[in-house]
Amino acid sequence: PRYRIKAPRMMHFPADDSSWLISPH
């Protein structure tokens, strides 16, 4: 493992293929 993210919500945006996470740990 390099890194792990835990979040209550994730949204993916196709325009730049990025993801936004809310309250990430």
PDBML (XML) file of the C-alpha atoms, coordinates in Angstrom:
<?xml version="1.0" encoding="UTF-8" ?>
<PDBx:datablock datablockName="MODEL"
   xmlns:PDBx="http://pdbml.pdb.org/schema/pdbx-v50.xsd"
   xmlns:xsi="http://www.w3.org/2001/XMLSchema-instance"
   xsi:schemaLocation="http://pdbml.pdb.org/schema/pdbx-v50.xsd pdbx-v50.xsd">
   <PDBx:atom_siteCategory>
      <PDBx:atom_site id="1">
         <PDBx:B_iso_or_equiv>0.00</PDBx:B_iso_or_equiv>
         <PDBx:Cartn_x>0.000</PDBx:Cartn_x>
         <PDBx:Cartn_y>0.000</PDBx:Cartn_y>
         <PDBx:Cartn_z>0.000</PDBx:Cartn_z>
         <PDBx:auth_asym_id>A</PDBx:auth_asym_id>
         <PDBx:auth_atom_id>CA</PDBx:auth_atom_id>
         <PDBx:auth_comp_id>PRO</PDBx:auth_comp_id>
         <PDBx:auth_seq_id>1</PDBx:auth_seq_id>
         <PDBx:group_PDB>ATOM</PDBx:group_PDB>
         <PDBx:label_alt_id xsi:nil="true" />
         <PDBx:label_asym_id>A</PDBx:label_asym_id>
         <PDBx:label_atom_id>CA</PDBx:label_atom_id>
         <PDBx:label_comp_id>PRO</PDBx:label_comp_id>
         <PDBx:label_entity_id>1</PDBx:label_entity_id>
         <PDBx:label_seq_id>1</PDBx:label_seq_id>
         <PDBx:occupancy>1.00</PDBx:occupancy>
         <PDBx:pdbx_PDB_model_num>1</PDBx:pdbx_PDB_model_num>
         <PDBx:type_symbol>C</PDBx:type_symbol>
      </PDBx:atom_site>
      <PDBx:atom_site id="2">
         <PDBx:B_iso_or_equiv>0.00</PDBx:B_iso_or_equiv>
         <PDBx:Cartn_x>1.131</PDBx:Cartn_x>
         <PDBx:Cartn_y>3.547</PDBx:Cartn_y>
         <PDBx:Cartn_z>-0.875</PDBx:Cartn_z>
         <PDBx:auth_asym_id>A</PDBx:auth_asym_id>
         <PDBx:auth_atom_id>CA</PDBx:auth_atom_id>
         <PDBx:auth_comp_id>ARG</PDBx:auth_comp_id>
         <PDBx:auth_seq_id>2</PDBx:auth_seq_id>
         <PDBx:group_PDB>ATOM</PDBx:group_PDB>
         <PDBx:label_alt_id xsi:nil="true" />
         <PDBx:label_asym_id>A</PDBx:label_asym_id>
         <PDBx:label_atom_id>CA</PDBx:label_atom_id>
         <PDBx:label_comp_id>ARG</PDBx:label_comp_id>
         <PDBx:label_entity_id>1</PDBx:label_entity_id>
         <PDBx:label_seq_id>2</PDBx:label_seq_id>
         <PDBx:occupancy>1.00</PDBx:occupancy>
         <PDBx:pdbx_PDB_model_num>1</PDBx:pdbx_PDB_model_num>
         <PDBx:type_symbol>C</PDBx:type_symbol>
      </PDBx:atom_site>
      <PDBx:atom_site id="3">
         <PDBx:B_iso_or_equiv>0.00</PDBx:B_iso_or_equiv>
         <PDBx:Cartn_x>-1.838</PDBx:Cartn_x>
         <PDBx:Cartn_y>5.367</PDBx:Cartn_y>
         <PDBx:Cartn_z>0.619</PDBx:Cartn_z>
         <PDBx:auth_asym_id>A</PDBx:auth_asym_id>
         <PDBx:auth_atom_id>CA</PDBx:auth_atom_id>
         <PDBx:auth_comp_id>TYR</PDBx:auth_comp_id>
         <PDBx:auth_seq_id>3</PDBx:auth_seq_id>
         <PDBx:group_PDB>ATOM</PDBx:group_PDB>
         <PDBx:label_alt_id xsi:nil="true" />
         <PDBx:label_asym_id>A</PDBx:label_asym_id>
         <PDBx:label_atom_id>CA</PDBx:label_atom_id>
         <PDBx:label_comp_id>TYR</PDBx:label_comp_id>
         <PDBx:label_entity_id>1</PDBx:label_entity_id>
         <PDBx:label_seq_id>3</PDBx:label_seq_id>
         <PDBx:occupancy>1.00</PDBx:occupancy>
         <PDBx:pdbx_PDB_model_num>1</PDBx:pdbx_PDB_model_num>
         <PDBx:type_symbol>C</PDBx:type_symbol>
      </PDBx:atom_site>
      <PDBx:atom_site id="4">
         <PDBx:B_iso_or_equiv>0.00</PDBx:B_iso_or_equiv>
         <PDBx:Cartn_x>-5.405</PDBx:Cartn_x>
         <PDBx:Cartn_y>4.835</PDBx:Cartn_y>
         <PDBx:Cartn_z>1.739</PDBx:Cartn_z>
         <PDBx:auth_asym_id>A</PDBx:auth_asym_id>
         <PDBx:auth_atom_id>CA</PDBx:auth_atom_id>
         <PDBx:auth_comp_id>ARG</PDBx:auth_comp_id>
         <PDBx:auth_seq_id>4</PDBx:auth_seq_id>
         <PDBx:group_PDB>ATOM</PDBx:group_PDB>
         <PDBx:label_alt_id xsi:nil="true" />
         <PDBx:label_asym_id>A</PDBx:label_asym_id>
         <PDBx:label_atom_id>CA</PDBx:label_atom_id>
         <PDBx:label_comp_id>ARG</PDBx:label_comp_id>
         <PDBx:label_entity_id>1</PDBx:label_entity_id>
         <PDBx:label_seq_id>4</PDBx:label_seq_id>
         <PDBx:occupancy>1.00</PDBx:occupancy>
         <PDBx:pdbx_PDB_model_num>1</PDBx:pdbx_PDB_model_num>
         <PDBx:type_symbol>C</PDBx:type_symbol>
      </PDBx:atom_site>
      <PDBx:atom_site id="5">
         <PDBx:B_iso_or_equiv>0.00</PDBx:B_iso_or_equiv>
         <PDBx:Cartn_x>-8.299</PDBx:Cartn_x>
         <PDBx:Cartn_y>7.277</PDBx:Cartn_y>
         <PDBx:Cartn_z>1.810</PDBx:Cartn_z>
         <PDBx:auth_asym_id>A</PDBx:auth_asym_id>
         <PDBx:auth_atom_id>CA</PDBx:auth_atom_id>
         <PDBx:auth_comp_id>ILE</PDBx:auth_comp_id>
         <PDBx:auth_seq_id>5</PDBx:auth_seq_id>
         <PDBx:group_PDB>ATOM</PDBx:group_PDB>
         <PDBx:label_alt_id xsi:nil="true" />
         <PDBx:label_asym_id>A</PDBx:label_asym_id>
         <PDBx:label_atom_id>CA</PDBx:label_atom_id>
         <PDBx:label_comp_id>ILE</PDBx:label_comp_id>
         <PDBx:label_entity_id>1</PDBx:label_entity_id>
         <PDBx:label_seq_id>5</PDBx:label_seq_id>
         <PDBx:occupancy>1.00</PDBx:occupancy>
         <PDBx:pdbx_PDB_model_num>1</PDBx:pdbx_PDB_model_num>
         <PDBx:type_symbol>C</PDBx:type_symbol>
      </PDBx:atom_site>
      <PDBx:atom_site id="6">
         <PDBx:B_iso_or_equiv>0.00</PDBx:B_iso_or_equiv>
         <PDBx:Cartn_x>-11.489</PDBx:Cartn_x>
         <PDBx:Cartn_y>6.774</PDBx:Cartn_y>
         <PDBx:Cartn_z>3.767</PDBx:Cartn_z>
         <PDBx:auth_asym_id>A</PDBx:auth_asym_id>
         <PDBx:auth_atom_id>CA</PDBx:auth_atom_id>
         <PDBx:auth_comp_id>LYS</PDBx:auth_comp_id>
         <PDBx:auth_seq_id>6</PDBx:auth_seq_id>
         <PDBx:group_PDB>ATOM</PDBx:group_PDB>
         <PDBx:label_alt_id xsi:nil="true" />
         <PDBx:label_asym_id>A</PDBx:label_asym_id>
         <PDBx:label_atom_id>CA</PDBx:label_atom_id>
         <PDBx:label_comp_id>LYS</PDBx:label_comp_id>
         <PDBx:label_entity_id>1</PDBx:label_entity_id>
         <PDBx:label_seq_id>6</PDBx:label_seq_id>
         <PDBx:occupancy>1.00</PDBx:occupancy>
         <PDBx:pdbx_PDB_model_num>1</PDBx:pdbx_PDB_model_num>
         <PDBx:type_symbol>C</PDBx:type_symbol>
      </PDBx:atom_site>
      <PDBx:atom_site id="7">
         <PDBx:B_iso_or_equiv>0.00</PDBx:B_iso_or_equiv>
         <PDBx:Cartn_x>-14.344</PDBx:Cartn_x>
         <PDBx:Cartn_y>9.213</PDBx:Cartn_y>
         <PDBx:Cartn_z>3.208</PDBx:Cartn_z>
         <PDBx:auth_asym_id>A</PDBx:auth_asym_id>
         <PDBx:auth_atom_id>CA</PDBx:auth_atom_id>
         <PDBx:auth_comp_id>ALA</PDBx:auth_comp_id>
         <PDBx:auth_seq_id>7</PDBx:auth_seq_id>
         <PDBx:group_PDB>ATOM</PDBx:group_PDB>
         <PDBx:label_alt_id xsi:nil="true" />
         <PDBx:label_asym_id>A</PDBx:label_asym_id>
         <PDBx:label_atom_id>CA</PDBx:label_atom_id>
         <PDBx:label_comp_id>ALA</PDBx:label_comp_id>
         <PDBx:label_entity_id>1</PDBx:label_entity_id>
         <PDBx:label_seq_id>7</PDBx:label_seq_id>
         <PDBx:occupancy>1.00</PDBx:occupancy>
         <PDBx:pdbx_PDB_model_num>1</PDBx:pdbx_PDB_model_num>
         <PDBx:type_symbol>C</PDBx:type_symbol>
      </PDBx:atom_site>
      <PDBx:atom_site id="8">
         <PDBx:B_iso_or_equiv>0.00</PDBx:B_iso_or_equiv>
         <PDBx:Cartn_x>-18.109</PDBx:Cartn_x>
         <PDBx:Cartn_y>9.302</PDBx:Cartn_y>
         <PDBx:Cartn_z>3.693</PDBx:Cartn_z>
         <PDBx:auth_asym_id>A</PDBx:auth_asym_id>
         <PDBx:auth_atom_id>CA</PDBx:auth_atom_id>
         <PDBx:auth_comp_id>PRO</PDBx:auth_comp_id>
         <PDBx:auth_seq_id>8</PDBx:auth_seq_id>
         <PDBx:group_PDB>ATOM</PDBx:group_PDB>
         <PDBx:label_alt_id xsi:nil="true" />
         <PDBx:label_asym_id>A</PDBx:label_asym_id>
         <PDBx:label_atom_id>CA</PDBx:label_atom_id>
         <PDBx:label_comp_id>PRO</PDBx:label_comp_id>
         <PDBx:label_entity_id>1</PDBx:label_entity_id>
         <PDBx:label_seq_id>8</PDBx:label_seq_id>
         <PDBx:occupancy>1.00</PDBx:occupancy>
         <PDBx:pdbx_PDB_model_num>1</PDBx:pdbx_PDB_model_num>
         <PDBx:type_symbol>C</PDBx:type_symbol>
      </PDBx:atom_site>
      <PDBx:atom_site id="9">
         <PDBx:B_iso_or_equiv>0.00</PDBx:B_iso_or_equiv>
         <PDBx:Cartn_x>-18.624</PDBx:Cartn_x>
         <PDBx:Cartn_y>10.537</PDBx:Cartn_y>
         <PDBx:Cartn_z>0.097</PDBx:Cartn_z>
         <PDBx:auth_asym_id>A</PDBx:auth_asym_id>
         <PDBx:auth_atom_id>CA</PDBx:auth_atom_id>
         <PDBx:auth_comp_id>ARG</PDBx:auth_comp_id>
         <PDBx:auth_seq_id>9</PDBx:auth_seq_id>
         <PDBx:group_PDB>ATOM</PDBx:group_PDB>
         <PDBx:label_alt_id xsi:nil="true" />
         <PDBx:label_asym_id>A</PDBx:label_asym_id>
         <PDBx:label_atom_id>CA</PDBx:label_atom_id>
         <PDBx:label_comp_id>ARG</PDBx:label_comp_id>
         <PDBx:label_entity_id>1</PDBx:label_entity_id>
         <PDBx:label_seq_id>9</PDBx:label_seq_id>
         <PDBx:occupancy>1.00</PDBx:occupancy>
         <PDBx:pdbx_PDB_model_num>1</PDBx:pdbx_PDB_model_num>
         <PDBx:type_symbol>C</PDBx:type_symbol>
      </PDBx:atom_site>
      <PDBx:atom_site id="10">
         <PDBx:B_iso_or_equiv>0.00</PDBx:B_iso_or_equiv>
         <PDBx:Cartn_x>-16.732</PDBx:Cartn_x>
         <PDBx:Cartn_y>10.599</PDBx:Cartn_y>
         <PDBx:Cartn_z>-3.217</PDBx:Cartn_z>
         <PDBx:auth_asym_id>A</PDBx:auth_asym_id>
         <PDBx:auth_atom_id>CA</PDBx:auth_atom_id>
         <PDBx:auth_comp_id>MET</PDBx:auth_comp_id>
         <PDBx:auth_seq_id>10</PDBx:auth_seq_id>
         <PDBx:group_PDB>ATOM</PDBx:group_PDB>
         <PDBx:label_alt_id xsi:nil="true" />
         <PDBx:label_asym_id>A</PDBx:label_asym_id>
         <PDBx:label_atom_id>CA</PDBx:label_atom_id>
         <PDBx:label_comp_id>MET</PDBx:label_comp_id>
         <PDBx:label_entity_id>1</PDBx:label_entity_id>
         <PDBx:label_seq_id>10</PDBx:label_seq_id>
         <PDBx:occupancy>1.00</PDBx:occupancy>
         <PDBx:pdbx_PDB_model_num>1</PDBx:pdbx_PDB_model_num>
         <PDBx:type_symbol>C</PDBx:type_symbol>
      </PDBx:atom_site>
      <PDBx:atom_site id="11">
         <PDBx:B_iso_or_equiv>0.00</PDBx:B_iso_or_equiv>
         <PDBx:Cartn_x>-17.735</PDBx:Cartn_x>
         <PDBx:Cartn_y>12.185</PDBx:Cartn_y>
         <PDBx:Cartn_z>-6.528</PDBx:Cartn_z>
         <PDBx:auth_asym_id>A</PDBx:auth_asym_id>
         <PDBx:auth_atom_id>CA</PDBx:auth_atom_id>
         <PDBx:auth_comp_id>MET</PDBx:auth_comp_id>
         <PDBx:auth_seq_id>11</PDBx:auth_seq_id>
         <PDBx:group_PDB>ATOM</PDBx:group_PDB>
         <PDBx:label_alt_id xsi:nil="true" />
         <PDBx:label_asym_id>A</PDBx:label_asym_id>
         <PDBx:label_atom_id>CA</PDBx:label_atom_id>
         <PDBx:label_comp_id>MET</PDBx:label_comp_id>
         <PDBx:label_entity_id>1</PDBx:label_entity_id>
         <PDBx:label_seq_id>11</PDBx:label_seq_id>
         <PDBx:occupancy>1.00</PDBx:occupancy>
         <PDBx:pdbx_PDB_model_num>1</PDBx:pdbx_PDB_model_num>
         <PDBx:type_symbol>C</PDBx:type_symbol>
      </PDBx:atom_site>
      <PDBx:atom_site id="12">
         <PDBx:B_iso_or_equiv>0.00</PDBx:B_iso_or_equiv>
         <PDBx:Cartn_x>-16.024</PDBx:Cartn_x>
         <PDBx:Cartn_y>11.579</PDBx:Cartn_y>
         <PDBx:Cartn_z>-9.877</PDBx:Cartn_z>
         <PDBx:auth_asym_id>A</PDBx:auth_asym_id>
         <PDBx:auth_atom_id>CA</PDBx:auth_atom_id>
         <PDBx:auth_comp_id>HIS</PDBx:auth_comp_id>
         <PDBx:auth_seq_id>12</PDBx:auth_seq_id>
         <PDBx:group_PDB>ATOM</PDBx:group_PDB>
         <PDBx:label_alt_id xsi:nil="true" />
         <PDBx:label_asym_id>A</PDBx:label_asym_id>
         <PDBx:label_atom_id>CA</PDBx:label_atom_id>
         <PDBx:label_comp_id>HIS</PDBx:label_comp_id>
         <PDBx:label_entity_id>1</PDBx:label_entity_id>
         <PDBx:label_seq_id>12</PDBx:label_seq_id>
         <PDBx:occupancy>1.00</PDBx:occupancy>
         <PDBx:pdbx_PDB_model_num>1</PDBx:pdbx_PDB_model_num>
         <PDBx:type_symbol>C</PDBx:type_symbol>
      </PDBx:atom_site>
      <PDBx:atom_site id="13">
         <PDBx:B_iso_or_equiv>0.00</PDBx:B_iso_or_equiv>
         <PDBx:Cartn_x>-15.771</PDBx:Cartn_x>
         <PDBx:Cartn_y>14.329</PDBx:Cartn_y>
         <PDBx:Cartn_z>-12.500</PDBx:Cartn_z>
         <PDBx:auth_asym_id>A</PDBx:auth_asym_id>
         <PDBx:auth_atom_id>CA</PDBx:auth_atom_id>
         <PDBx:auth_comp_id>PHE</PDBx:auth_comp_id>
         <PDBx:auth_seq_id>13</PDBx:auth_seq_id>
         <PDBx:group_PDB>ATOM</PDBx:group_PDB>
         <PDBx:label_alt_id xsi:nil="true" />
         <PDBx:label_asym_id>A</PDBx:label_asym_id>
         <PDBx:label_atom_id>CA</PDBx:label_atom_id>
         <PDBx:label_comp_id>PHE</PDBx:label_comp_id>
         <PDBx:label_entity_id>1</PDBx:label_entity_id>
         <PDBx:label_seq_id>13</PDBx:label_seq_id>
         <PDBx:occupancy>1.00</PDBx:occupancy>
         <PDBx:pdbx_PDB_model_num>1</PDBx:pdbx_PDB_model_num>
         <PDBx:type_symbol>C</PDBx:type_symbol>
      </PDBx:atom_site>
      <PDBx:atom_site id="14">
         <PDBx:B_iso_or_equiv>0.00</PDBx:B_iso_or_equiv>
         <PDBx:Cartn_x>-15.273</PDBx:Cartn_x>
         <PDBx:Cartn_y>13.153</PDBx:Cartn_y>
         <PDBx:Cartn_z>-16.094</PDBx:Cartn_z>
         <PDBx:auth_asym_id>A</PDBx:auth_asym_id>
         <PDBx:auth_atom_id>CA</PDBx:auth_atom_id>
         <PDBx:auth_comp_id>PRO</PDBx:auth_comp_id>
         <PDBx:auth_seq_id>14</PDBx:auth_seq_id>
         <PDBx:group_PDB>ATOM</PDBx:group_PDB>
         <PDBx:label_alt_id xsi:nil="true" />
         <PDBx:label_asym_id>A</PDBx:label_asym_id>
         <PDBx:label_atom_id>CA</PDBx:label_atom_id>
         <PDBx:label_comp_id>PRO</PDBx:label_comp_id>
         <PDBx:label_entity_id>1</PDBx:label_entity_id>
         <PDBx:label_seq_id>14</PDBx:label_seq_id>
         <PDBx:occupancy>1.00</PDBx:occupancy>
         <PDBx:pdbx_PDB_model_num>1</PDBx:pdbx_PDB_model_num>
         <PDBx:type_symbol>C</PDBx:type_symbol>
      </PDBx:atom_site>
      <PDBx:atom_site id="15">
         <PDBx:B_iso_or_equiv>0.00</PDBx:B_iso_or_equiv>
         <PDBx:Cartn_x>-13.958</PDBx:Cartn_x>
         <PDBx:Cartn_y>16.485</PDBx:Cartn_y>
         <PDBx:Cartn_z>-17.436</PDBx:Cartn_z>
         <PDBx:auth_asym_id>A</PDBx:auth_asym_id>
         <PDBx:auth_atom_id>CA</PDBx:auth_atom_id>
         <PDBx:auth_comp_id>ALA</PDBx:auth_comp_id>
         <PDBx:auth_seq_id>15</PDBx:auth_seq_id>
         <PDBx:group_PDB>ATOM</PDBx:group_PDB>
         <PDBx:label_alt_id xsi:nil="true" />
         <PDBx:label_asym_id>A</PDBx:label_asym_id>
         <PDBx:label_atom_id>CA</PDBx:label_atom_id>
         <PDBx:label_comp_id>ALA</PDBx:label_comp_id>
         <PDBx:label_entity_id>1</PDBx:label_entity_id>
         <PDBx:label_seq_id>15</PDBx:label_seq_id>
         <PDBx:occupancy>1.00</PDBx:occupancy>
         <PDBx:pdbx_PDB_model_num>1</PDBx:pdbx_PDB_model_num>
         <PDBx:type_symbol>C</PDBx:type_symbol>
      </PDBx:atom_site>
      <PDBx:atom_site id="16">
         <PDBx:B_iso_or_equiv>0.00</PDBx:B_iso_or_equiv>
         <PDBx:Cartn_x>-10.531</PDBx:Cartn_x>
         <PDBx:Cartn_y>15.952</PDBx:Cartn_y>
         <PDBx:Cartn_z>-15.839</PDBx:Cartn_z>
         <PDBx:auth_asym_id>A</PDBx:auth_asym_id>
         <PDBx:auth_atom_id>CA</PDBx:auth_atom_id>
         <PDBx:auth_comp_id>ASP</PDBx:auth_comp_id>
         <PDBx:auth_seq_id>16</PDBx:auth_seq_id>
         <PDBx:group_PDB>ATOM</PDBx:group_PDB>
         <PDBx:label_alt_id xsi:nil="true" />
         <PDBx:label_asym_id>A</PDBx:label_asym_id>
         <PDBx:label_atom_id>CA</PDBx:label_atom_id>
         <PDBx:label_comp_id>ASP</PDBx:label_comp_id>
         <PDBx:label_entity_id>1</PDBx:label_entity_id>
         <PDBx:label_seq_id>16</PDBx:label_seq_id>
         <PDBx:occupancy>1.00</PDBx:occupancy>
         <PDBx:pdbx_PDB_model_num>1</PDBx:pdbx_PDB_model_num>
         <PDBx:type_symbol>C</PDBx:type_symbol>
      </PDBx:atom_site>
      <PDBx:atom_site id="17">
         <PDBx:B_iso_or_equiv>0.00</PDBx:B_iso_or_equiv>
         <PDBx:Cartn_x>-11.033</PDBx:Cartn_x>
         <PDBx:Cartn_y>12.405</PDBx:Cartn_y>
         <PDBx:Cartn_z>-14.520</PDBx:Cartn_z>
         <PDBx:auth_asym_id>A</PDBx:auth_asym_id>
         <PDBx:auth_atom_id>CA</PDBx:auth_atom_id>
         <PDBx:auth_comp_id>ASP</PDBx:auth_comp_id>
         <PDBx:auth_seq_id>17</PDBx:auth_seq_id>
         <PDBx:group_PDB>ATOM</PDBx:group_PDB>
         <PDBx:label_alt_id xsi:nil="true" />
         <PDBx:label_asym_id>A</PDBx:label_asym_id>
         <PDBx:label_atom_id>CA</PDBx:label_atom_id>
         <PDBx:label_comp_id>ASP</PDBx:label_comp_id>
         <PDBx:label_entity_id>1</PDBx:label_entity_id>
         <PDBx:label_seq_id>17</PDBx:label_seq_id>
         <PDBx:occupancy>1.00</PDBx:occupancy>
         <PDBx:pdbx_PDB_model_num>1</PDBx:pdbx_PDB_model_num>
         <PDBx:type_symbol>C</PDBx:type_symbol>
      </PDBx:atom_site>
      <PDBx:atom_site id="18">
         <PDBx:B_iso_or_equiv>0.00</PDBx:B_iso_or_equiv>
         <PDBx:Cartn_x>-10.535</PDBx:Cartn_x>
         <PDBx:Cartn_y>13.625</PDBx:Cartn_y>
         <PDBx:Cartn_z>-10.943</PDBx:Cartn_z>
         <PDBx:auth_asym_id>A</PDBx:auth_asym_id>
         <PDBx:auth_atom_id>CA</PDBx:auth_atom_id>
         <PDBx:auth_comp_id>SER</PDBx:auth_comp_id>
         <PDBx:auth_seq_id>18</PDBx:auth_seq_id>
         <PDBx:group_PDB>ATOM</PDBx:group_PDB>
         <PDBx:label_alt_id xsi:nil="true" />
         <PDBx:label_asym_id>A</PDBx:label_asym_id>
         <PDBx:label_atom_id>CA</PDBx:label_atom_id>
         <PDBx:label_comp_id>SER</PDBx:label_comp_id>
         <PDBx:label_entity_id>1</PDBx:label_entity_id>
         <PDBx:label_seq_id>18</PDBx:label_seq_id>
         <PDBx:occupancy>1.00</PDBx:occupancy>
         <PDBx:pdbx_PDB_model_num>1</PDBx:pdbx_PDB_model_num>
         <PDBx:type_symbol>C</PDBx:type_symbol>
      </PDBx:atom_site>
      <PDBx:atom_site id="19">
         <PDBx:B_iso_or_equiv>0.00</PDBx:B_iso_or_equiv>
         <PDBx:Cartn_x>-12.392</PDBx:Cartn_x>
         <PDBx:Cartn_y>12.713</PDBx:Cartn_y>
         <PDBx:Cartn_z>-7.773</PDBx:Cartn_z>
         <PDBx:auth_asym_id>A</PDBx:auth_asym_id>
         <PDBx:auth_atom_id>CA</PDBx:auth_atom_id>
         <PDBx:auth_comp_id>SER</PDBx:auth_comp_id>
         <PDBx:auth_seq_id>19</PDBx:auth_seq_id>
         <PDBx:group_PDB>ATOM</PDBx:group_PDB>
         <PDBx:label_alt_id xsi:nil="true" />
         <PDBx:label_asym_id>A</PDBx:label_asym_id>
         <PDBx:label_atom_id>CA</PDBx:label_atom_id>
         <PDBx:label_comp_id>SER</PDBx:label_comp_id>
         <PDBx:label_entity_id>1</PDBx:label_entity_id>
         <PDBx:label_seq_id>19</PDBx:label_seq_id>
         <PDBx:occupancy>1.00</PDBx:occupancy>
         <PDBx:pdbx_PDB_model_num>1</PDBx:pdbx_PDB_model_num>
         <PDBx:type_symbol>C</PDBx:type_symbol>
      </PDBx:atom_site>
      <PDBx:atom_site id="20">
         <PDBx:B_iso_or_equiv>0.00</PDBx:B_iso_or_equiv>
         <PDBx:Cartn_x>-13.488</PDBx:Cartn_x>
         <PDBx:Cartn_y>14.902</PDBx:Cartn_y>
         <PDBx:Cartn_z>-4.866</PDBx:Cartn_z>
         <PDBx:auth_asym_id>A</PDBx:auth_asym_id>
         <PDBx:auth_atom_id>CA</PDBx:auth_atom_id>
         <PDBx:auth_comp_id>TRP</PDBx:auth_comp_id>
         <PDBx:auth_seq_id>20</PDBx:auth_seq_id>
         <PDBx:group_PDB>ATOM</PDBx:group_PDB>
         <PDBx:label_alt_id xsi:nil="true" />
         <PDBx:label_asym_id>A</PDBx:label_asym_id>
         <PDBx:label_atom_id>CA</PDBx:label_atom_id>
         <PDBx:label_comp_id>TRP</PDBx:label_comp_id>
         <PDBx:label_entity_id>1</PDBx:label_entity_id>
         <PDBx:label_seq_id>20</PDBx:label_seq_id>
         <PDBx:occupancy>1.00</PDBx:occupancy>
         <PDBx:pdbx_PDB_model_num>1</PDBx:pdbx_PDB_model_num>
         <PDBx:type_symbol>C</PDBx:type_symbol>
      </PDBx:atom_site>
      <PDBx:atom_site id="21">
         <PDBx:B_iso_or_equiv>0.00</PDBx:B_iso_or_equiv>
         <PDBx:Cartn_x>-13.827</PDBx:Cartn_x>
         <PDBx:Cartn_y>13.378</PDBx:Cartn_y>
         <PDBx:Cartn_z>-1.421</PDBx:Cartn_z>
         <PDBx:auth_asym_id>A</PDBx:auth_asym_id>
         <PDBx:auth_atom_id>CA</PDBx:auth_atom_id>
         <PDBx:auth_comp_id>LEU</PDBx:auth_comp_id>
         <PDBx:auth_seq_id>21</PDBx:auth_seq_id>
         <PDBx:group_PDB>ATOM</PDBx:group_PDB>
         <PDBx:label_alt_id xsi:nil="true" />
         <PDBx:label_asym_id>A</PDBx:label_asym_id>
         <PDBx:label_atom_id>CA</PDBx:label_atom_id>
         <PDBx:label_comp_id>LEU</PDBx:label_comp_id>
         <PDBx:label_entity_id>1</PDBx:label_entity_id>
         <PDBx:label_seq_id>21</PDBx:label_seq_id>
         <PDBx:occupancy>1.00</PDBx:occupancy>
         <PDBx:pdbx_PDB_model_num>1</PDBx:pdbx_PDB_model_num>
         <PDBx:type_symbol>C</PDBx:type_symbol>
      </PDBx:atom_site>
      <PDBx:atom_site id="22">
         <PDBx:B_iso_or_equiv>0.00</PDBx:B_iso_or_equiv>
         <PDBx:Cartn_x>-15.737</PDBx:Cartn_x>
         <PDBx:Cartn_y>14.858</PDBx:Cartn_y>
         <PDBx:Cartn_z>1.503</PDBx:Cartn_z>
         <PDBx:auth_asym_id>A</PDBx:auth_asym_id>
         <PDBx:auth_atom_id>CA</PDBx:auth_atom_id>
         <PDBx:auth_comp_id>ILE</PDBx:auth_comp_id>
         <PDBx:auth_seq_id>22</PDBx:auth_seq_id>
         <PDBx:group_PDB>ATOM</PDBx:group_PDB>
         <PDBx:label_alt_id xsi:nil="true" />
         <PDBx:label_asym_id>A</PDBx:label_asym_id>
         <PDBx:label_atom_id>CA</PDBx:label_atom_id>
         <PDBx:label_comp_id>ILE</PDBx:label_comp_id>
         <PDBx:label_entity_id>1</PDBx:label_entity_id>
         <PDBx:label_seq_id>22</PDBx:label_seq_id>
         <PDBx:occupancy>1.00</PDBx:occupancy>
         <PDBx:pdbx_PDB_model_num>1</PDBx:pdbx_PDB_model_num>
         <PDBx:type_symbol>C</PDBx:type_symbol>
      </PDBx:atom_site>
      <PDBx:atom_site id="23">
         <PDBx:B_iso_or_equiv>0.00</PDBx:B_iso_or_equiv>
         <PDBx:Cartn_x>-14.128</PDBx:Cartn_x>
         <PDBx:Cartn_y>14.724</PDBx:Cartn_y>
         <PDBx:Cartn_z>4.997</PDBx:Cartn_z>
         <PDBx:auth_asym_id>A</PDBx:auth_asym_id>
         <PDBx:auth_atom_id>CA</PDBx:auth_atom_id>
         <PDBx:auth_comp_id>SER</PDBx:auth_comp_id>
         <PDBx:auth_seq_id>23</PDBx:auth_seq_id>
         <PDBx:group_PDB>ATOM</PDBx:group_PDB>
         <PDBx:label_alt_id xsi:nil="true" />
         <PDBx:label_asym_id>A</PDBx:label_asym_id>
         <PDBx:label_atom_id>CA</PDBx:label_atom_id>
         <PDBx:label_comp_id>SER</PDBx:label_comp_id>
         <PDBx:label_entity_id>1</PDBx:label_entity_id>
         <PDBx:label_seq_id>23</PDBx:label_seq_id>
         <PDBx:occupancy>1.00</PDBx:occupancy>
         <PDBx:pdbx_PDB_model_num>1</PDBx:pdbx_PDB_model_num>
         <PDBx:type_symbol>C</PDBx:type_symbol>
      </PDBx:atom_site>
      <PDBx:atom_site id="24">
         <PDBx:B_iso_or_equiv>0.00</PDBx:B_iso_or_equiv>
         <PDBx:Cartn_x>-11.279</PDBx:Cartn_x>
         <PDBx:Cartn_y>12.443</PDBx:Cartn_y>
         <PDBx:Cartn_z>3.941</PDBx:Cartn_z>
         <PDBx:auth_asym_id>A</PDBx:auth_asym_id>
         <PDBx:auth_atom_id>CA</PDBx:auth_atom_id>
         <PDBx:auth_comp_id>PRO</PDBx:auth_comp_id>
         <PDBx:auth_seq_id>24</PDBx:auth_seq_id>
         <PDBx:group_PDB>ATOM</PDBx:group_PDB>
         <PDBx:label_alt_id xsi:nil="true" />
         <PDBx:label_asym_id>A</PDBx:label_asym_id>
         <PDBx:label_atom_id>CA</PDBx:label_atom_id>
         <PDBx:label_comp_id>PRO</PDBx:label_comp_id>
         <PDBx:label_entity_id>1</PDBx:label_entity_id>
         <PDBx:label_seq_id>24</PDBx:label_seq_id>
         <PDBx:occupancy>1.00</PDBx:occupancy>
         <PDBx:pdbx_PDB_model_num>1</PDBx:pdbx_PDB_model_num>
         <PDBx:type_symbol>C</PDBx:type_symbol>
      </PDBx:atom_site>
      <PDBx:atom_site id="25">
         <PDBx:B_iso_or_equiv>0.00</PDBx:B_iso_or_equiv>
         <PDBx:Cartn_x>-9.014</PDBx:Cartn_x>
         <PDBx:Cartn_y>10.597</PDBx:Cartn_y>
         <PDBx:Cartn_z>6.341</PDBx:Cartn_z>
         <PDBx:auth_asym_id>A</PDBx:auth_asym_id>
         <PDBx:auth_atom_id>CA</PDBx:auth_atom_id>
         <PDBx:auth_comp_id>HIS</PDBx:auth_comp_id>
         <PDBx:auth_seq_id>25</PDBx:auth_seq_id>
         <PDBx:group_PDB>ATOM</PDBx:group_PDB>
         <PDBx:label_alt_id xsi:nil="true" />
         <PDBx:label_asym_id>A</PDBx:label_asym_id>
         <PDBx:label_atom_id>CA</PDBx:label_atom_id>
         <PDBx:label_comp_id>HIS</PDBx:label_comp_id>
         <PDBx:label_entity_id>1</PDBx:label_entity_id>
         <PDBx:label_seq_id>25</PDBx:label_seq_id>
         <PDBx:occupancy>1.00</PDBx:occupancy>
         <PDBx:pdbx_PDB_model_num>1</PDBx:pdbx_PDB_model_num>
         <PDBx:type_symbol>C</PDBx:type_symbol>
      </PDBx:atom_site>
   </PDBx:atom_siteCategory>
</PDBx:datablock>
